[in-house]
Amino acid sequence: MHDATLELVRASAEAAEQQLDAAKRLDAAALQSATRRRQDLLFQLGLVDPATVDTDHSELIAALDRLRRLDARLSAVLRAGLEVLESVAPQGPPVVYAWNGRLRGRKP
């Protein structure tokens, strides 16, 4: 059972790398696909009986540490991308002509 747990964690790290790559490329479809894969793997990990996992196993600890680092990088990339998109997104309603011919909306 431990080998299955290790493989699930490694597969989760691979999916996290795919998420990170997709986030860097701003590829929403690939990011969603990798996120669904990670959700499936997380569900499978949730079914593992903790009593069957050897927590002192160095490979498992290393794989979990790699996954934590990837998650931290993914979070930072997604946060930076969101900040950039928010900074260039229009703030408020667009400037349009009203029925009386005057401009209304946000002012430049």
PDB file of N, CA and C in Angstrom:
ATOM      1  N   MET A   1       0.816  -1.192   0.000  1.00  0.00           N
ATOM      2  CA  MET A   1       0.000   0.000   0.000  1.00  0.00           C
ATOM      3  C   MET A   1       0.862   1.260   0.000  1.00  0.00           C
ATOM      4  N   HIS A   2       2.025   1.152   0.642  1.00  0.00           N
ATOM      5  CA  HIS A   2       2.889   2.321   0.712  1.00  0.00           C
ATOM      6  C   HIS A   2       3.362   2.729  -0.677  1.00  0.00           C
ATOM      7  N   ASP A   3       3.707   1.760  -1.521  1.00  0.00           N
ATOM      8  CA  ASP A   3       4.154   2.086  -2.870  1.00  0.00           C
ATOM      9  C   ASP A   3       3.065   2.815  -3.640  1.00  0.00           C
ATOM     10  N   ALA A   4       1.812   2.418  -3.450  1.00  0.00           N
ATOM     11  CA  ALA A   4       0.694   3.099  -4.121  1.00  0.00           C
ATOM     12  C   ALA A   4       0.587   4.537  -3.631  1.00  0.00           C
ATOM     13  N   THR A   5       0.777   4.744  -2.348  1.00  0.00           N
ATOM     14  CA  THR A   5       0.717   6.101  -1.791  1.00  0.00           C
ATOM     15  C   THR A   5       1.831   6.962  -2.368  1.00  0.00           C
ATOM     16  N   LEU A   6       3.029   6.403  -2.432  1.00  0.00           N
ATOM     17  CA  LEU A   6       4.161   7.137  -2.995  1.00  0.00           C
ATOM     18  C   LEU A   6       3.897   7.489  -4.455  1.00  0.00           C
ATOM     19  N   GLU A   7       3.352   6.565  -5.215  1.00  0.00           N
ATOM     20  CA  GLU A   7       3.050   6.830  -6.621  1.00  0.00           C
ATOM     21  C   GLU A   7       1.959   7.894  -6.769  1.00  0.00           C
ATOM     22  N   LEU A   8       0.970   7.888  -5.876  1.00  0.00           N
ATOM     23  CA  LEU A   8      -0.068   8.923  -5.919  1.00  0.00           C
ATOM     24  C   LEU A   8       0.524  10.300  -5.627  1.00  0.00           C
ATOM     25  N   VAL A   9       1.430  10.376  -4.673  1.00  0.00           N
ATOM     26  CA  VAL A   9       2.067  11.661  -4.344  1.00  0.00           C
ATOM     27  C   VAL A   9       2.935  12.116  -5.510  1.00  0.00           C
ATOM     28  N   ARG A  10       3.669  11.194  -6.103  1.00  0.00           N
ATOM     29  CA  ARG A  10       4.505  11.555  -7.261  1.00  0.00           C
ATOM     30  C   ARG A  10       3.642  12.012  -8.435  1.00  0.00           C
ATOM     31  N   ALA A  11       2.530  11.318  -8.669  1.00  0.00           N
ATOM     32  CA  ALA A  11       1.624  11.722  -9.740  1.00  0.00           C
ATOM     33  C   ALA A  11       1.025  13.096  -9.448  1.00  0.00           C
ATOM     34  N   SER A  12       0.754  13.381  -8.180  1.00  0.00           N
ATOM     35  CA  SER A  12       0.242  14.697  -7.790  1.00  0.00           C
ATOM     36  C   SER A  12       1.278  15.775  -8.075  1.00  0.00           C
ATOM     37  N   ALA A  13       2.542  15.471  -7.829  1.00  0.00           N
ATOM     38  CA  ALA A  13       3.608  16.435  -8.114  1.00  0.00           C
ATOM     39  C   ALA A  13       3.723  16.672  -9.619  1.00  0.00           C
ATOM     40  N   GLU A  14       3.579  15.613 -10.419  1.00  0.00           N
ATOM     41  CA  GLU A  14       3.611  15.783 -11.874  1.00  0.00           C
ATOM     42  C   GLU A  14       2.444  16.654 -12.341  1.00  0.00           C
ATOM     43  N   ALA A  15       1.272  16.432 -11.767  1.00  0.00           N
ATOM     44  CA  ALA A  15       0.107  17.251 -12.117  1.00  0.00           C
ATOM     45  C   ALA A  15       0.333  18.698 -11.674  1.00  0.00           C
ATOM     46  N   ALA A  16       0.977  18.890 -10.532  1.00  0.00           N
ATOM     47  CA  ALA A  16       1.280  20.246 -10.064  1.00  0.00           C
ATOM     48  C   ALA A  16       2.252  20.937 -11.020  1.00  0.00           C
ATOM     49  N   GLU A  17       3.209  20.183 -11.558  1.00  0.00           N
ATOM     50  CA  GLU A  17       4.122  20.762 -12.548  1.00  0.00           C
ATOM     51  C   GLU A  17       3.358  21.164 -13.807  1.00  0.00           C
ATOM     52  N   GLN A  18       2.401  20.348 -14.206  1.00  0.00           N
ATOM     53  CA  GLN A  18       1.581  20.690 -15.362  1.00  0.00           C
ATOM     54  C   GLN A  18       0.753  21.941 -15.075  1.00  0.00           C
ATOM     55  N   GLN A  19       0.233  22.050 -13.862  1.00  0.00           N
ATOM     56  CA  GLN A  19      -0.515  23.257 -13.490  1.00  0.00           C
ATOM     57  C   GLN A  19       0.387  24.479 -13.554  1.00  0.00           C
ATOM     58  N   LEU A  20       1.586  24.353 -13.011  1.00  0.00           N
ATOM     59  CA  LEU A  20       2.527  25.466 -12.985  1.00  0.00           C
ATOM     60  C   LEU A  20       2.887  25.897 -14.396  1.00  0.00           C
ATOM     61  N   ASP A  21       3.158  24.934 -15.264  1.00  0.00           N
ATOM     62  CA  ASP A  21       3.489  25.247 -16.659  1.00  0.00           C
ATOM     63  C   ASP A  21       2.315  25.940 -17.345  1.00  0.00           C
ATOM     64  N   ALA A  22       1.113  25.417 -17.136  1.00  0.00           N
ATOM     65  CA  ALA A  22      -0.073  26.029 -17.755  1.00  0.00           C
ATOM     66  C   ALA A  22      -0.314  27.435 -17.214  1.00  0.00           C
ATOM     67  N   ALA A  23      -0.099  27.638 -15.926  1.00  0.00           N
ATOM     68  CA  ALA A  23      -0.290  28.964 -15.335  1.00  0.00           C
ATOM     69  C   ALA A  23       0.716  29.966 -15.902  1.00  0.00           C
ATOM     70  N   LYS A  24       1.947  29.535 -16.088  1.00  0.00           N
ATOM     71  CA  LYS A  24       2.964  30.423 -16.661  1.00  0.00           C
ATOM     72  C   LYS A  24       2.625  30.803 -18.094  1.00  0.00           C
ATOM     73  N   ARG A  25       1.991  29.881 -18.842  1.00  0.00           N
ATOM     74  CA  ARG A  25       1.619  30.142 -20.229  1.00  0.00           C
ATOM     75  C   ARG A  25       0.242  30.789 -20.345  1.00  0.00           C
ATOM     76  N   LEU A  26      -0.447  30.984 -19.220  1.00  0.00           N
ATOM     77  CA  LEU A  26      -1.809  31.505 -19.189  1.00  0.00           C
ATOM     78  C   LEU A  26      -2.745  30.646 -20.043  1.00  0.00           C
ATOM     79  N   ASP A  27      -2.556  29.340 -19.972  1.00  0.00           N
ATOM     80  CA  ASP A  27      -3.357  28.371 -20.714  1.00  0.00           C
ATOM     81  C   ASP A  27      -4.444  27.834 -19.785  1.00  0.00           C
ATOM     82  N   ALA A  28      -5.618  28.447 -19.846  1.00  0.00           N
ATOM     83  CA  ALA A  28      -6.702  28.106 -18.922  1.00  0.00           C
ATOM     84  C   ALA A  28      -7.179  26.670 -19.092  1.00  0.00           C
ATOM     85  N   ALA A  29      -7.261  26.193 -20.324  1.00  0.00           N
ATOM     86  CA  ALA A  29      -7.743  24.827 -20.563  1.00  0.00           C
ATOM     87  C   ALA A  29      -6.787  23.795 -19.973  1.00  0.00           C
ATOM     88  N   ALA A  30      -5.492  23.984 -20.185  1.00  0.00           N
ATOM     89  CA  ALA A  30      -4.505  23.056 -19.634  1.00  0.00           C
ATOM     90  C   ALA A  30      -4.483  23.137 -18.107  1.00  0.00           C
ATOM     91  N   LEU A  31      -4.654  24.339 -17.567  1.00  0.00           N
ATOM     92  CA  LEU A  31      -4.688  24.501 -16.118  1.00  0.00           C
ATOM     93  C   LEU A  31      -5.891  23.779 -15.526  1.00  0.00           C
ATOM     94  N   GLN A  32      -7.039  23.894 -16.158  1.00  0.00           N
ATOM     95  CA  GLN A  32      -8.232  23.196 -15.663  1.00  0.00           C
ATOM     96  C   GLN A  32      -8.062  21.684 -15.740  1.00  0.00           C
ATOM     97  N   SER A  33      -7.474  21.208 -16.817  1.00  0.00           N
ATOM     98  CA  SER A  33      -7.253  19.772 -16.984  1.00  0.00           C
ATOM     99  C   SER A  33      -6.318  19.230 -15.904  1.00  0.00           C
ATOM    100  N   ALA A  34      -5.216  19.927 -15.670  1.00  0.00           N
ATOM    101  CA  ALA A  34      -4.266  19.492 -14.642  1.00  0.00           C
ATOM    102  C   ALA A  34      -4.885  19.592 -13.249  1.00  0.00           C
ATOM    103  N   THR A  35      -5.714  20.594 -13.030  1.00  0.00           N
ATOM    104  CA  THR A  35      -6.382  20.746 -11.738  1.00  0.00           C
ATOM    105  C   THR A  35      -7.356  19.599 -11.500  1.00  0.00           C
ATOM    106  N   ARG A  36      -8.111  19.214 -12.539  1.00  0.00           N
ATOM    107  CA  ARG A  36      -9.014  18.055 -12.402  1.00  0.00           C
ATOM    108  C   ARG A  36      -8.225  16.790 -12.080  1.00  0.00           C
ATOM    109  N   ARG A  37      -7.081  16.624 -12.730  1.00  0.00           N
ATOM    110  CA  ARG A  37      -6.232  15.452 -12.465  1.00  0.00           C
ATOM    111  C   ARG A  37      -5.782  15.446 -11.010  1.00  0.00           C
ATOM    112  N   ARG A  38      -5.363  16.587 -10.515  1.00  0.00           N
ATOM    113  CA  ARG A  38      -4.922  16.664  -9.115  1.00  0.00           C
ATOM    114  C   ARG A  38      -6.067  16.404  -8.154  1.00  0.00           C
ATOM    115  N   GLN A  39      -7.254  16.877  -8.491  1.00  0.00           N
ATOM    116  CA  GLN A  39      -8.410  16.614  -7.631  1.00  0.00           C
ATOM    117  C   GLN A  39      -8.688  15.118  -7.548  1.00  0.00           C
ATOM    118  N   ASP A  40      -8.588  14.443  -8.684  1.00  0.00           N
ATOM    119  CA  ASP A  40      -8.786  12.986  -8.689  1.00  0.00           C
ATOM    120  C   ASP A  40      -7.737  12.286  -7.829  1.00  0.00           C
ATOM    121  N   LEU A  41      -6.490  12.714  -7.974  1.00  0.00           N
ATOM    122  CA  LEU A  41      -5.412  12.104  -7.185  1.00  0.00           C
ATOM    123  C   LEU A  41      -5.583  12.398  -5.697  1.00  0.00           C
ATOM    124  N   LEU A  42      -6.012  13.593  -5.370  1.00  0.00           N
ATOM    125  CA  LEU A  42      -6.247  13.945  -3.973  1.00  0.00           C
ATOM    126  C   LEU A  42      -7.355  13.089  -3.381  1.00  0.00           C
ATOM    127  N   PHE A  43      -8.400  12.843  -4.169  1.00  0.00           N
ATOM    128  CA  PHE A  43      -9.474  11.970  -3.709  1.00  0.00           C
ATOM    129  C   PHE A  43      -8.927  10.569  -3.433  1.00  0.00           C
ATOM    130  N   GLN A  44      -8.098  10.058  -4.342  1.00  0.00           N
ATOM    131  CA  GLN A  44      -7.515   8.734  -4.146  1.00  0.00           C
ATOM    132  C   GLN A  44      -6.618   8.701  -2.910  1.00  0.00           C
ATOM    133  N   LEU A  45      -5.865   9.768  -2.689  1.00  0.00           N
ATOM    134  CA  LEU A  45      -5.022   9.831  -1.486  1.00  0.00           C
ATOM    135  C   LEU A  45      -5.868   9.848  -0.218  1.00  0.00           C
ATOM    136  N   GLY A  46      -7.041  10.470  -0.303  1.00  0.00           N
ATOM    137  CA  GLY A  46      -7.937  10.508   0.853  1.00  0.00           C
ATOM    138  C   GLY A  46      -8.477   9.145   1.225  1.00  0.00           C
ATOM    139  N   LEU A  47      -8.446   8.214   0.289  1.00  0.00           N
ATOM    140  CA  LEU A  47      -8.938   6.867   0.556  1.00  0.00           C
ATOM    141  C   LEU A  47      -7.874   5.957   1.181  1.00  0.00           C
ATOM    142  N   VAL A  48      -6.629   6.425   1.201  1.00  0.00           N
ATOM    143  CA  VAL A  48      -5.542   5.624   1.758  1.00  0.00           C
ATOM    144  C   VAL A  48      -5.674   5.570   3.277  1.00  0.00           C
ATOM    145  N   ASP A  49      -5.543   4.387   3.814  1.00  0.00           N
ATOM    146  CA  ASP A  49      -5.584   4.196   5.265  1.00  0.00           C
ATOM    147  C   ASP A  49      -4.255   4.668   5.852  1.00  0.00           C
ATOM    148  N   PRO A  50      -4.266   5.703   6.699  1.00  0.00           N
ATOM    149  CA  PRO A  50      -3.014   6.225   7.253  1.00  0.00           C
ATOM    150  C   PRO A  50      -2.208   5.182   8.023  1.00  0.00           C
ATOM    151  N   ALA A  51      -2.863   4.187   8.548  1.00  0.00           N
ATOM    152  CA  ALA A  51      -2.152   3.156   9.308  1.00  0.00           C
ATOM    153  C   ALA A  51      -1.254   2.317   8.404  1.00  0.00           C
ATOM    154  N   THR A  52      -1.520   2.316   7.120  1.00  0.00           N
ATOM    155  CA  THR A  52      -0.726   1.507   6.195  1.00  0.00           C
ATOM    156  C   THR A  52       0.460   2.269   5.613  1.00  0.00           C
ATOM    157  N   VAL A  53       0.591   3.553   5.927  1.00  0.00           N
ATOM    158  CA  VAL A  53       1.658   4.378   5.370  1.00  0.00           C
ATOM    159  C   VAL A  53       2.792   4.491   6.376  1.00  0.00           C
ATOM    160  N   ASP A  54       3.992   4.211   5.921  1.00  0.00           N
ATOM    161  CA  ASP A  54       5.188   4.333   6.757  1.00  0.00           C
ATOM    162  C   ASP A  54       5.655   5.788   6.692  1.00  0.00           C
ATOM    163  N   THR A  55       5.345   6.578   7.704  1.00  0.00           N
ATOM    164  CA  THR A  55       5.648   8.020   7.668  1.00  0.00           C
ATOM    165  C   THR A  55       7.140   8.304   7.758  1.00  0.00           C
ATOM    166  N   ASP A  56       7.952   7.317   8.124  1.00  0.00           N
ATOM    167  CA  ASP A  56       9.394   7.539   8.209  1.00  0.00           C
ATOM    168  C   ASP A  56      10.096   7.288   6.882  1.00  0.00           C
ATOM    169  N   HIS A  57       9.357   6.909   5.894  1.00  0.00           N
ATOM    170  CA  HIS A  57       9.948   6.586   4.603  1.00  0.00           C
ATOM    171  C   HIS A  57      10.489   7.845   3.940  1.00  0.00           C
ATOM    172  N   SER A  58      11.774   7.862   3.660  1.00  0.00           N
ATOM    173  CA  SER A  58      12.422   9.074   3.142  1.00  0.00           C
ATOM    174  C   SER A  58      11.926   9.451   1.747  1.00  0.00           C
ATOM    175  N   GLU A  59      11.612   8.471   0.912  1.00  0.00           N
ATOM    176  CA  GLU A  59      11.119   8.792  -0.431  1.00  0.00           C
ATOM    177  C   GLU A  59       9.775   9.503  -0.379  1.00  0.00           C
ATOM    178  N   LEU A  60       8.901   9.034   0.507  1.00  0.00           N
ATOM    179  CA  LEU A  60       7.584   9.660   0.636  1.00  0.00           C
ATOM    180  C   LEU A  60       7.721  11.082   1.166  1.00  0.00           C
ATOM    181  N   ILE A  61       8.577  11.268   2.129  1.00  0.00           N
ATOM    182  CA  ILE A  61       8.795  12.606   2.695  1.00  0.00           C
ATOM    183  C   ILE A  61       9.369  13.545   1.634  1.00  0.00           C
ATOM    184  N   ALA A  62      10.305  13.061   0.836  1.00  0.00           N
ATOM    185  CA  ALA A  62      10.893  13.884  -0.229  1.00  0.00           C
ATOM    186  C   ALA A  62       9.843  14.240  -1.280  1.00  0.00           C
ATOM    187  N   ALA A  63       8.996  13.278  -1.635  1.00  0.00           N
ATOM    188  CA  ALA A  63       7.946  13.540  -2.624  1.00  0.00           C
ATOM    189  C   ALA A  63       6.944  14.560  -2.094  1.00  0.00           C
ATOM    190  N   LEU A  64       6.587  14.448  -0.828  1.00  0.00           N
ATOM    191  CA  LEU A  64       5.655  15.411  -0.229  1.00  0.00           C
ATOM    192  C   LEU A  64       6.273  16.802  -0.152  1.00  0.00           C
ATOM    193  N   ASP A  65       7.571  16.860   0.142  1.00  0.00           N
ATOM    194  CA  ASP A  65       8.260  18.152   0.197  1.00  0.00           C
ATOM    195  C   ASP A  65       8.291  18.795  -1.189  1.00  0.00           C
ATOM    196  N   ARG A  66       8.540  17.995  -2.209  1.00  0.00           N
ATOM    197  CA  ARG A  66       8.527  18.493  -3.596  1.00  0.00           C
ATOM    198  C   ARG A  66       7.145  19.028  -3.946  1.00  0.00           C
ATOM    199  N   LEU A  67       6.118  18.311  -3.546  1.00  0.00           N
ATOM    200  CA  LEU A  67       4.748  18.735  -3.821  1.00  0.00           C
ATOM    201  C   LEU A  67       4.429  20.048  -3.110  1.00  0.00           C
ATOM    202  N   ARG A  68       4.881  20.197  -1.882  1.00  0.00           N
ATOM    203  CA  ARG A  68       4.663  21.462  -1.145  1.00  0.00           C
ATOM    204  C   ARG A  68       5.342  22.630  -1.844  1.00  0.00           C
ATOM    205  N   ARG A  69       6.578  22.411  -2.303  1.00  0.00           N
ATOM    206  CA  ARG A  69       7.305  23.492  -2.998  1.00  0.00           C
ATOM    207  C   ARG A  69       6.601  23.860  -4.301  1.00  0.00           C
ATOM    208  N   LEU A  70       6.146  22.856  -5.042  1.00  0.00           N
ATOM    209  CA  LEU A  70       5.418  23.133  -6.282  1.00  0.00           C
ATOM    210  C   LEU A  70       4.132  23.898  -6.004  1.00  0.00           C
ATOM    211  N   ASP A  71       3.426  23.527  -4.943  1.00  0.00           N
ATOM    212  CA  ASP A  71       2.198  24.243  -4.586  1.00  0.00           C
ATOM    213  C   ASP A  71       2.478  25.691  -4.240  1.00  0.00           C
ATOM    214  N   ALA A  72       3.584  25.937  -3.530  1.00  0.00           N
ATOM    215  CA  ALA A  72       3.940  27.313  -3.177  1.00  0.00           C
ATOM    216  C   ALA A  72       4.259  28.121  -4.438  1.00  0.00           C
ATOM    217  N   ARG A  73       4.998  27.521  -5.380  1.00  0.00           N
ATOM    218  CA  ARG A  73       5.321  28.208  -6.638  1.00  0.00           C
ATOM    219  C   ARG A  73       4.065  28.459  -7.456  1.00  0.00           C
ATOM    220  N   LEU A  74       3.195  27.463  -7.523  1.00  0.00           N
ATOM    221  CA  LEU A  74       1.947  27.618  -8.270  1.00  0.00           C
ATOM    222  C   LEU A  74       1.107  28.749  -7.689  1.00  0.00           C
ATOM    223  N   SER A  75       1.016  28.784  -6.390  1.00  0.00           N
ATOM    224  CA  SER A  75       0.249  29.841  -5.734  1.00  0.00           C
ATOM    225  C   SER A  75       0.827  31.221  -6.062  1.00  0.00           C
ATOM    226  N   ALA A  76       2.150  31.335  -6.033  1.00  0.00           N
ATOM    227  CA  ALA A  76       2.793  32.617  -6.328  1.00  0.00           C
ATOM    228  C   ALA A  76       2.563  33.032  -7.779  1.00  0.00           C
ATOM    229  N   VAL A  77       2.662  32.080  -8.717  1.00  0.00           N
ATOM    230  CA  VAL A  77       2.452  32.396 -10.135  1.00  0.00           C
ATOM    231  C   VAL A  77       1.003  32.805 -10.383  1.00  0.00           C
ATOM    232  N   LEU A  78       0.065  32.068  -9.800  1.00  0.00           N
ATOM    233  CA  LEU A  78      -1.347  32.405  -9.984  1.00  0.00           C
ATOM    234  C   LEU A  78      -1.679  33.762  -9.371  1.00  0.00           C
ATOM    235  N   ARG A  79      -1.107  34.052  -8.208  1.00  0.00           N
ATOM    236  CA  ARG A  79      -1.354  35.342  -7.561  1.00  0.00           C
ATOM    237  C   ARG A  79      -0.777  36.484  -8.414  1.00  0.00           C
ATOM    238  N   ALA A  80       0.429  36.290  -8.961  1.00  0.00           N
ATOM    239  CA  ALA A  80       1.038  37.320  -9.803  1.00  0.00           C
ATOM    240  C   ALA A  80       0.218  37.529 -11.075  1.00  0.00           C
ATOM    241  N   GLY A  81      -0.236  36.436 -11.672  1.00  0.00           N
ATOM    242  CA  GLY A  81      -1.064  36.548 -12.872  1.00  0.00           C
ATOM    243  C   GLY A  81      -2.357  37.289 -12.596  1.00  0.00           C
ATOM    244  N   LEU A  82      -2.965  36.995 -11.470  1.00  0.00           N
ATOM    245  CA  LEU A  82      -4.203  37.682 -11.099  1.00  0.00           C
ATOM    246  C   LEU A  82      -3.966  39.166 -10.889  1.00  0.00           C
ATOM    247  N   GLU A  83      -2.863  39.524 -10.242  1.00  0.00           N
ATOM    248  CA  GLU A  83      -2.553  40.935 -10.012  1.00  0.00           C
ATOM    249  C   GLU A  83      -2.342  41.677 -11.332  1.00  0.00           C
ATOM    250  N   VAL A  84      -1.672  41.032 -12.276  1.00  0.00           N
ATOM    251  CA  VAL A  84      -1.447  41.663 -13.578  1.00  0.00           C
ATOM    252  C   VAL A  84      -2.777  41.854 -14.302  1.00  0.00           C
ATOM    253  N   LEU A  85      -3.592  40.815 -14.316  1.00  0.00           N
ATOM    254  CA  LEU A  85      -4.879  40.925 -15.004  1.00  0.00           C
ATOM    255  C   LEU A  85      -5.776  41.967 -14.353  1.00  0.00           C
ATOM    256  N   GLU A  86      -5.756  42.049 -13.036  1.00  0.00           N
ATOM    257  CA  GLU A  86      -6.564  43.062 -12.352  1.00  0.00           C
ATOM    258  C   GLU A  86      -6.070  44.466 -12.670  1.00  0.00           C
ATOM    259  N   SER A  87      -4.755  44.624 -12.842  1.00  0.00           N
ATOM    260  CA  SER A  87      -4.211  45.963 -13.099  1.00  0.00           C
ATOM    261  C   SER A  87      -4.558  46.465 -14.494  1.00  0.00           C
ATOM    262  N   VAL A  88      -4.760  45.560 -15.452  1.00  0.00           N
ATOM    263  CA  VAL A  88      -5.080  46.001 -16.812  1.00  0.00           C
ATOM    264  C   VAL A  88      -6.572  45.929 -17.119  1.00  0.00           C
ATOM    265  N   ALA A  89      -7.328  45.346 -16.236  1.00  0.00           N
ATOM    266  CA  ALA A  89      -8.779  45.245 -16.452  1.00  0.00           C
ATOM    267  C   ALA A  89      -9.428  46.605 -16.239  1.00  0.00           C
ATOM    268  N   PRO A  90     -10.457  46.904 -16.995  1.00  0.00           N
ATOM    269  CA  PRO A  90     -11.154  48.187 -16.815  1.00  0.00           C
ATOM    270  C   PRO A  90     -11.738  48.304 -15.401  1.00  0.00           C
ATOM    271  N   GLN A  91     -11.649  49.479 -14.869  1.00  0.00           N
ATOM    272  CA  GLN A  91     -12.197  49.753 -13.539  1.00  0.00           C
ATOM    273  C   GLN A  91     -13.482  50.550 -13.703  1.00  0.00           C
ATOM    274  N   GLY A  92     -14.597  49.924 -13.452  1.00  0.00           N
ATOM    275  CA  GLY A  92     -15.877  50.624 -13.562  1.00  0.00           C
ATOM    276  C   GLY A  92     -16.478  50.497 -14.953  1.00  0.00           C
ATOM    277  N   PRO A  93     -17.592  51.184 -15.146  1.00  0.00           N
ATOM    278  CA  PRO A  93     -18.293  51.074 -16.432  1.00  0.00           C
ATOM    279  C   PRO A  93     -17.517  51.785 -17.542  1.00  0.00           C
ATOM    280  N   PRO A  94     -17.674  51.330 -18.777  1.00  0.00           N
ATOM    281  CA  PRO A  94     -16.962  51.968 -19.890  1.00  0.00           C
ATOM    282  C   PRO A  94     -17.550  53.344 -20.208  1.00  0.00           C
ATOM    283  N   VAL A  95     -16.759  54.149 -20.883  1.00  0.00           N
ATOM    284  CA  VAL A  95     -17.227  55.464 -21.324  1.00  0.00           C
ATOM    285  C   VAL A  95     -18.084  55.265 -22.571  1.00  0.00           C
ATOM    286  N   VAL A  96     -19.314  55.757 -22.498  1.00  0.00           N
ATOM    287  CA  VAL A  96     -20.248  55.646 -23.632  1.00  0.00           C
ATOM    288  C   VAL A  96     -20.993  56.969 -23.774  1.00  0.00           C
ATOM    289  N   TYR A  97     -21.641  57.117 -24.903  1.00  0.00           N
ATOM    290  CA  TYR A  97     -22.468  58.300 -25.097  1.00  0.00           C
ATOM    291  C   TYR A  97     -23.858  58.041 -24.522  1.00  0.00           C
ATOM    292  N   ALA A  98     -24.360  59.014 -23.762  1.00  0.00           N
ATOM    293  CA  ALA A  98     -25.715  58.941 -23.207  1.00  0.00           C
ATOM    294  C   ALA A  98     -26.708  59.351 -24.284  1.00  0.00           C
ATOM    295  N   TRP A  99     -27.981  59.227 -23.994  1.00  0.00           N
ATOM    296  CA  TRP A  99     -29.038  59.574 -24.950  1.00  0.00           C
ATOM    297  C   TRP A  99     -28.977  61.027 -25.378  1.00  0.00           C
ATOM    298  N   ASN A 100     -28.392  61.881 -24.491  1.00  0.00           N
ATOM    299  CA  ASN A 100     -28.342  63.311 -24.795  1.00  0.00           C
ATOM    300  C   ASN A 100     -27.044  63.717 -25.502  1.00  0.00           C
ATOM    301  N   GLY A 101     -26.197  62.739 -25.863  1.00  0.00           N
ATOM    302  CA  GLY A 101     -24.978  63.042 -26.604  1.00  0.00           C
ATOM    303  C   GLY A 101     -23.764  63.307 -25.742  1.00  0.00           C
ATOM    304  N   ARG A 102     -23.904  63.253 -24.435  1.00  0.00           N
ATOM    305  CA  ARG A 102     -22.773  63.491 -23.528  1.00  0.00           C
ATOM    306  C   ARG A 102     -22.115  62.160 -23.183  1.00  0.00           C
ATOM    307  N   LEU A 103     -20.806  62.271 -22.903  1.00  0.00           N
ATOM    308  CA  LEU A 103     -20.092  61.082 -22.464  1.00  0.00           C
ATOM    309  C   LEU A 103     -20.442  60.759 -21.012  1.00  0.00           C
ATOM    310  N   ARG A 104     -20.577  59.493 -20.724  1.00  0.00           N
ATOM    311  CA  ARG A 104     -20.787  59.086 -19.354  1.00  0.00           C
ATOM    312  C   ARG A 104     -19.960  57.824 -19.100  1.00  0.00           C
ATOM    313  N   GLY A 105     -19.740  57.523 -17.858  1.00  0.00           N
ATOM    314  CA  GLY A 105     -18.911  56.374 -17.483  1.00  0.00           C
ATOM    315  C   GLY A 105     -17.656  56.853 -16.792  1.00  0.00           C
ATOM    316  N   ARG A 106     -16.636  56.012 -16.813  1.00  0.00           N
ATOM    317  CA  ARG A 106     -15.400  56.390 -16.112  1.00  0.00           C
ATOM    318  C   ARG A 106     -14.675  57.483 -16.860  1.00  0.00           C
ATOM    319  N   LYS A 107     -14.004  58.291 -16.124  1.00  0.00           N
ATOM    320  CA  LYS A 107     -13.264  59.407 -16.690  1.00  0.00           C
ATOM    321  C   LYS A 107     -11.782  59.014 -16.786  1.00  0.00           C
ATOM    322  N   PRO A 108     -11.146  59.322 -17.910  1.00  0.00           N
ATOM    323  CA  PRO A 108      -9.714  58.987 -18.080  1.00  0.00           C
ATOM    324  C   PRO A 108      -8.819  59.747 -17.145  1.00  0.00           C
TER     325      PRO A 108
END
